[in-house]
PDB file of all heavy atoms in Angstrom:
ATOM      1  N   ILE A   1      -3.144   8.467  -3.047  1.00  0.00           N
ATOM      2  CA  ILE A   1      -2.143   8.150  -2.026  1.00  0.00           C
ATOM      3  C   ILE A   1      -1.880   6.649  -1.995  1.00  0.00           C
ATOM      4  O   ILE A   1      -0.721   6.190  -1.957  1.00  0.00           O
ATOM      5  CB  ILE A   1      -2.603   8.654  -0.643  1.00  0.00           C
ATOM      6  CG1 ILE A   1      -2.668  10.187  -0.614  1.00  0.00           C
ATOM      7  CG2 ILE A   1      -1.682   8.124   0.460  1.00  0.00           C
ATOM      8  CD1 ILE A   1      -1.348  10.877  -0.805  1.00  0.00           C
ATOM      9  N   LEU A   2      -2.938   5.843  -2.005  1.00  0.00           N
ATOM     10  CA  LEU A   2      -2.775   4.392  -1.934  1.00  0.00           C
ATOM     11  C   LEU A   2      -2.108   3.848  -3.198  1.00  0.00           C
ATOM     12  O   LEU A   2      -1.276   2.934  -3.126  1.00  0.00           O
ATOM     13  CB  LEU A   2      -4.129   3.730  -1.707  1.00  0.00           C
ATOM     14  CG  LEU A   2      -4.725   3.995  -0.319  1.00  0.00           C
ATOM     15  CD1 LEU A   2      -6.201   3.613  -0.285  1.00  0.00           C
ATOM     16  CD2 LEU A   2      -3.947   3.233   0.756  1.00  0.00           C
ATOM     17  N   SER A   3      -2.448   4.401  -4.345  1.00  0.00           N
ATOM     18  CA  SER A   3      -1.795   3.984  -5.588  1.00  0.00           C
ATOM     19  C   SER A   3      -0.318   4.350  -5.566  1.00  0.00           C
ATOM     20  O   SER A   3       0.532   3.593  -6.071  1.00  0.00           O
ATOM     21  CB  SER A   3      -2.474   4.644  -6.791  1.00  0.00           C
ATOM     22  OG  SER A   3      -3.799   4.173  -6.938  1.00  0.00           O
ATOM     23  N   LEU A   4       0.003   5.488  -4.962  1.00  0.00           N
ATOM     24  CA  LEU A   4       1.400   5.903  -4.844  1.00  0.00           C
ATOM     25  C   LEU A   4       2.174   4.912  -3.971  1.00  0.00           C
ATOM     26  O   LEU A   4       3.294   4.507  -4.320  1.00  0.00           O
ATOM     27  CB  LEU A   4       1.468   7.310  -4.256  1.00  0.00           C
ATOM     28  CG  LEU A   4       2.862   7.865  -3.961  1.00  0.00           C
ATOM     29  CD1 LEU A   4       3.697   7.939  -5.229  1.00  0.00           C
ATOM     30  CD2 LEU A   4       2.736   9.254  -3.318  1.00  0.00           C
ATOM     31  N   ILE A   5       1.592   4.515  -2.853  1.00  0.00           N
ATOM     32  CA  ILE A   5       2.254   3.532  -1.984  1.00  0.00           C
ATOM     33  C   ILE A   5       2.474   2.226  -2.738  1.00  0.00           C
ATOM     34  O   ILE A   5       3.548   1.606  -2.653  1.00  0.00           O
ATOM     35  CB  ILE A   5       1.430   3.311  -0.701  1.00  0.00           C
ATOM     36  CG1 ILE A   5       1.437   4.581   0.161  1.00  0.00           C
ATOM     37  CG2 ILE A   5       1.987   2.131   0.104  1.00  0.00           C
ATOM     38  CD1 ILE A   5       0.516   4.516   1.366  1.00  0.00           C
ATOM     39  N   ASP A   6       1.464   1.777  -3.492  1.00  0.00           N
ATOM     40  CA  ASP A   6       1.599   0.554  -4.288  1.00  0.00           C
ATOM     41  C   ASP A   6       2.737   0.674  -5.304  1.00  0.00           C
ATOM     42  O   ASP A   6       3.537  -0.256  -5.482  1.00  0.00           O
ATOM     43  CB  ASP A   6       0.292   0.258  -5.032  1.00  0.00           C
ATOM     44  CG  ASP A   6      -0.794  -0.279  -4.125  1.00  0.00           C
ATOM     45  OD1 ASP A   6      -0.480  -0.678  -2.985  1.00  0.00           O
ATOM     46  OD2 ASP A   6      -1.965  -0.301  -4.549  1.00  0.00           O
ATOM     47  N   GLU A   7       2.794   1.805  -5.968  1.00  0.00           N
ATOM     48  CA  GLU A   7       3.828   2.023  -6.988  1.00  0.00           C
ATOM     49  C   GLU A   7       5.217   2.002  -6.375  1.00  0.00           C
ATOM     50  O   GLU A   7       6.147   1.356  -6.900  1.00  0.00           O
ATOM     51  CB  GLU A   7       3.568   3.354  -7.685  1.00  0.00           C
ATOM     52  CG  GLU A   7       4.600   3.714  -8.750  1.00  0.00           C
ATOM     53  CD  GLU A   7       4.333   5.093  -9.323  1.00  0.00           C
ATOM     54  OE1 GLU A   7       3.150   5.435  -9.549  1.00  0.00           O
ATOM     55  OE2 GLU A   7       5.308   5.835  -9.543  1.00  0.00           O
ATOM     56  N   LEU A   8       5.378   2.686  -5.249  1.00  0.00           N
ATOM     57  CA  LEU A   8       6.678   2.733  -4.592  1.00  0.00           C
ATOM     58  C   LEU A   8       7.072   1.356  -4.070  1.00  0.00           C
ATOM     59  O   LEU A   8       8.243   0.973  -4.103  1.00  0.00           O
ATOM     60  CB  LEU A   8       6.636   3.753  -3.450  1.00  0.00           C
ATOM     61  CG  LEU A   8       6.365   5.196  -3.887  1.00  0.00           C
ATOM     62  CD1 LEU A   8       6.158   6.089  -2.671  1.00  0.00           C
ATOM     63  CD2 LEU A   8       7.501   5.727  -4.745  1.00  0.00           C
ATOM     64  N   LYS A   9       6.087   0.589  -3.605  1.00  0.00           N
ATOM     65  CA  LYS A   9       6.358  -0.773  -3.139  1.00  0.00           C
ATOM     66  C   LYS A   9       6.865  -1.642  -4.291  1.00  0.00           C
ATOM     67  O   LYS A   9       7.840  -2.385  -4.148  1.00  0.00           O
ATOM     68  CB  LYS A   9       5.088  -1.371  -2.538  1.00  0.00           C
ATOM     69  CG  LYS A   9       5.241  -2.808  -2.055  1.00  0.00           C
ATOM     70  CD  LYS A   9       3.902  -3.401  -1.683  1.00  0.00           C
ATOM     71  CE  LYS A   9       3.073  -3.688  -2.928  1.00  0.00           C
ATOM     72  NZ  LYS A   9       1.859  -4.481  -2.616  1.00  0.00           N
ATOM     73  N   ARG A  10       6.215  -1.535  -5.437  1.00  0.00           N
ATOM     74  CA  ARG A  10       6.638  -2.321  -6.601  1.00  0.00           C
ATOM     75  C   ARG A  10       8.038  -1.929  -7.050  1.00  0.00           C
ATOM     76  O   ARG A  10       8.851  -2.769  -7.428  1.00  0.00           O
ATOM     77  CB  ARG A  10       5.656  -2.131  -7.754  1.00  0.00           C
ATOM     78  CG  ARG A  10       4.320  -2.823  -7.554  1.00  0.00           C
ATOM     79  CD  ARG A  10       3.526  -2.840  -8.855  1.00  0.00           C
ATOM     80  NE  ARG A  10       3.275  -1.497  -9.367  1.00  0.00           N
ATOM     81  CZ  ARG A  10       2.202  -0.778  -9.069  1.00  0.00           C
ATOM     82  NH1 ARG A  10       1.283  -1.274  -8.239  1.00  0.00           N
ATOM     83  NH2 ARG A  10       2.029   0.435  -9.583  1.00  0.00           N
ATOM     84  N   ASP A  11       8.342  -0.628  -7.021  1.00  0.00           N
ATOM     85  CA  ASP A  11       9.631  -0.149  -7.510  1.00  0.00           C
ATOM     86  C   ASP A  11      10.778  -0.551  -6.591  1.00  0.00           C
ATOM     87  O   ASP A  11      11.884  -0.844  -7.062  1.00  0.00           O
ATOM     88  CB  ASP A  11       9.613   1.379  -7.651  1.00  0.00           C
ATOM     89  CG  ASP A  11       8.701   1.839  -8.776  1.00  0.00           C
ATOM     90  OD1 ASP A  11       8.308   0.990  -9.607  1.00  0.00           O
ATOM     91  OD2 ASP A  11       8.369   3.040  -8.817  1.00  0.00           O
ATOM     92  N   SER A  12      10.530  -0.540  -5.275  1.00  0.00           N
ATOM     93  CA  SER A  12      11.628  -0.730  -4.313  1.00  0.00           C
ATOM     94  C   SER A  12      11.591  -2.064  -3.578  1.00  0.00           C
ATOM     95  O   SER A  12      12.552  -2.406  -2.879  1.00  0.00           O
ATOM     96  CB  SER A  12      11.608   0.409  -3.282  1.00  0.00           C
ATOM     97  OG  SER A  12      10.373   0.403  -2.567  1.00  0.00           O
ATOM     98  N   GLY A  13      10.484  -2.817  -3.700  1.00  0.00           N
ATOM     99  CA  GLY A  13      10.382  -4.086  -2.982  1.00  0.00           C
ATOM    100  C   GLY A  13      10.130  -3.928  -1.495  1.00  0.00           C
ATOM    101  O   GLY A  13      10.302  -4.872  -0.721  1.00  0.00           O
ATOM    102  N   THR A  14       9.712  -2.745  -1.072  1.00  0.00           N
ATOM    103  CA  THR A  14       9.434  -2.500   0.340  1.00  0.00           C
ATOM    104  C   THR A  14       8.238  -3.330   0.808  1.00  0.00           C
ATOM    105  O   THR A  14       7.261  -3.476   0.083  1.00  0.00           O
ATOM    106  CB  THR A  14       9.134  -1.007   0.565  1.00  0.00           C
ATOM    107  OG1 THR A  14      10.260  -0.245   0.136  1.00  0.00           O
ATOM    108  CG2 THR A  14       8.845  -0.705   2.032  1.00  0.00           C
ATOM    109  N   ALA A  15       8.321  -3.881   2.010  1.00  0.00           N
ATOM    110  CA  ALA A  15       7.176  -4.549   2.623  1.00  0.00           C
ATOM    111  C   ALA A  15       6.299  -3.490   3.280  1.00  0.00           C
ATOM    112  O   ALA A  15       6.811  -2.551   3.898  1.00  0.00           O
ATOM    113  CB  ALA A  15       7.646  -5.562   3.665  1.00  0.00           C
ATOM    114  N   VAL A  16       4.986  -3.642   3.160  1.00  0.00           N
ATOM    115  CA  VAL A  16       4.049  -2.656   3.688  1.00  0.00           C
ATOM    116  C   VAL A  16       3.116  -3.315   4.694  1.00  0.00           C
ATOM    117  O   VAL A  16       2.531  -4.367   4.412  1.00  0.00           O
ATOM    118  CB  VAL A  16       3.215  -2.007   2.560  1.00  0.00           C
ATOM    119  CG1 VAL A  16       2.184  -1.028   3.139  1.00  0.00           C
ATOM    120  CG2 VAL A  16       4.114  -1.291   1.558  1.00  0.00           C
ATOM    121  N   VAL A  17       2.995  -2.691   5.864  1.00  0.00           N
ATOM    122  CA  VAL A  17       1.975  -3.065   6.848  1.00  0.00           C
ATOM    123  C   VAL A  17       0.948  -1.948   6.829  1.00  0.00           C
ATOM    124  O   VAL A  17       1.237  -0.818   7.231  1.00  0.00           O
ATOM    125  CB  VAL A  17       2.569  -3.238   8.255  1.00  0.00           C
ATOM    126  CG1 VAL A  17       1.466  -3.598   9.255  1.00  0.00           C
ATOM    127  CG2 VAL A  17       3.649  -4.311   8.256  1.00  0.00           C
ATOM    128  N   LEU A  18      -0.242  -2.250   6.341  1.00  0.00           N
ATOM    129  CA  LEU A  18      -1.293  -1.249   6.159  1.00  0.00           C
ATOM    130  C   LEU A  18      -2.358  -1.410   7.235  1.00  0.00           C
ATOM    131  O   LEU A  18      -3.047  -2.426   7.285  1.00  0.00           O
ATOM    132  CB  LEU A  18      -1.915  -1.408   4.770  1.00  0.00           C
ATOM    133  CG  LEU A  18      -3.112  -0.515   4.422  1.00  0.00           C
ATOM    134  CD1 LEU A  18      -2.701   0.953   4.443  1.00  0.00           C
ATOM    135  CD2 LEU A  18      -3.683  -0.894   3.062  1.00  0.00           C
ATOM    136  N   ILE A  19      -2.479  -0.419   8.108  1.00  0.00           N
ATOM    137  CA  ILE A  19      -3.487  -0.428   9.155  1.00  0.00           C
ATOM    138  C   ILE A  19      -4.714   0.302   8.630  1.00  0.00           C
ATOM    139  O   ILE A  19      -4.622   1.459   8.204  1.00  0.00           O
ATOM    140  CB  ILE A  19      -2.981   0.283  10.438  1.00  0.00           C
ATOM    141  CG1 ILE A  19      -1.605  -0.247  10.851  1.00  0.00           C
ATOM    142  CG2 ILE A  19      -3.999   0.130  11.562  1.00  0.00           C
ATOM    143  CD1 ILE A  19      -1.568  -1.684  11.239  1.00  0.00           C
ATOM    144  N   THR A  20      -5.865  -0.350   8.640  1.00  0.00           N
ATOM    145  CA  THR A  20      -7.061   0.289   8.088  1.00  0.00           C
ATOM    146  C   THR A  20      -8.312  -0.367   8.648  1.00  0.00           C
ATOM    147  O   THR A  20      -8.258  -1.475   9.185  1.00  0.00           O
ATOM    148  CB  THR A  20      -7.070   0.200   6.543  1.00  0.00           C
ATOM    149  OG1 THR A  20      -8.194   0.908   6.019  1.00  0.00           O
ATOM    150  CG2 THR A  20      -7.128  -1.250   6.076  1.00  0.00           C
ATOM    151  N   HIS A  21      -9.426   0.339   8.532  1.00  0.00           N
ATOM    152  CA  HIS A  21     -10.736  -0.247   8.846  1.00  0.00           C
ATOM    153  C   HIS A  21     -11.582  -0.359   7.582  1.00  0.00           C
ATOM    154  O   HIS A  21     -12.712  -0.821   7.626  1.00  0.00           O
ATOM    155  CB  HIS A  21     -11.471   0.631   9.875  1.00  0.00           C
ATOM    156  CG  HIS A  21     -11.792   1.993   9.340  1.00  0.00           C
ATOM    157  ND1 HIS A  21     -10.898   3.030   9.397  1.00  0.00           N
ATOM    158  CD2 HIS A  21     -12.887   2.474   8.705  1.00  0.00           C
ATOM    159  CE1 HIS A  21     -11.433   4.105   8.829  1.00  0.00           C
ATOM    160  NE2 HIS A  21     -12.637   3.797   8.398  1.00  0.00           N
ATOM    161  N   ASP A  22     -11.012   0.054   6.446  1.00  0.00           N
ATOM    162  CA  ASP A  22     -11.753   0.141   5.192  1.00  0.00           C
ATOM    163  C   ASP A  22     -11.504  -1.111   4.354  1.00  0.00           C
ATOM    164  O   ASP A  22     -10.414  -1.291   3.787  1.00  0.00           O
ATOM    165  CB  ASP A  22     -11.307   1.393   4.433  1.00  0.00           C
ATOM    166  CG  ASP A  22     -12.172   1.687   3.215  1.00  0.00           C
ATOM    167  OD1 ASP A  22     -12.743   0.729   2.642  1.00  0.00           O
ATOM    168  OD2 ASP A  22     -12.275   2.870   2.837  1.00  0.00           O
ATOM    169  N   LEU A  23     -12.508  -1.978   4.261  1.00  0.00           N
ATOM    170  CA  LEU A  23     -12.339  -3.214   3.510  1.00  0.00           C
ATOM    171  C   LEU A  23     -12.264  -2.977   2.013  1.00  0.00           C
ATOM    172  O   LEU A  23     -11.736  -3.809   1.277  1.00  0.00           O
ATOM    173  CB  LEU A  23     -13.476  -4.186   3.841  1.00  0.00           C
ATOM    174  CG  LEU A  23     -13.474  -4.723   5.273  1.00  0.00           C
ATOM    175  CD1 LEU A  23     -14.658  -5.642   5.501  1.00  0.00           C
ATOM    176  CD2 LEU A  23     -12.177  -5.453   5.572  1.00  0.00           C
ATOM    177  N   GLY A  24     -12.778  -1.852   1.540  1.00  0.00           N
ATOM    178  CA  GLY A  24     -12.609  -1.492   0.142  1.00  0.00           C
ATOM    179  C   GLY A  24     -11.136  -1.260  -0.179  1.00  0.00           C
ATOM    180  O   GLY A  24     -10.629  -1.698  -1.220  1.00  0.00           O
ATOM    181  N   VAL A  25     -10.438  -0.572   0.721  1.00  0.00           N
ATOM    182  CA  VAL A  25      -8.995  -0.360   0.572  1.00  0.00           C
ATOM    183  C   VAL A  25      -8.266  -1.693   0.595  1.00  0.00           C
ATOM    184  O   VAL A  25      -7.356  -1.952  -0.201  1.00  0.00           O
ATOM    185  CB  VAL A  25      -8.481   0.575   1.686  1.00  0.00           C
ATOM    186  CG1 VAL A  25      -6.961   0.564   1.745  1.00  0.00           C
ATOM    187  CG2 VAL A  25      -8.999   1.991   1.471  1.00  0.00           C
ATOM    188  N   VAL A  26      -8.669  -2.563   1.507  1.00  0.00           N
ATOM    189  CA  VAL A  26      -8.043  -3.881   1.628  1.00  0.00           C
ATOM    190  C   VAL A  26      -8.180  -4.650   0.320  1.00  0.00           C
ATOM    191  O   VAL A  26      -7.211  -5.242  -0.180  1.00  0.00           O
ATOM    192  CB  VAL A  26      -8.687  -4.668   2.784  1.00  0.00           C
ATOM    193  CG1 VAL A  26      -8.237  -6.131   2.769  1.00  0.00           C
ATOM    194  CG2 VAL A  26      -8.343  -4.023   4.121  1.00  0.00           C
TER     195      VAL A  26
END
């Protein structure tokens, strides 16, 4: 899921605000 969000962000230039408690994800 996170890789998909990254891919879509790269393709479209969308800005992402990611709310998380997982520093590994960060």
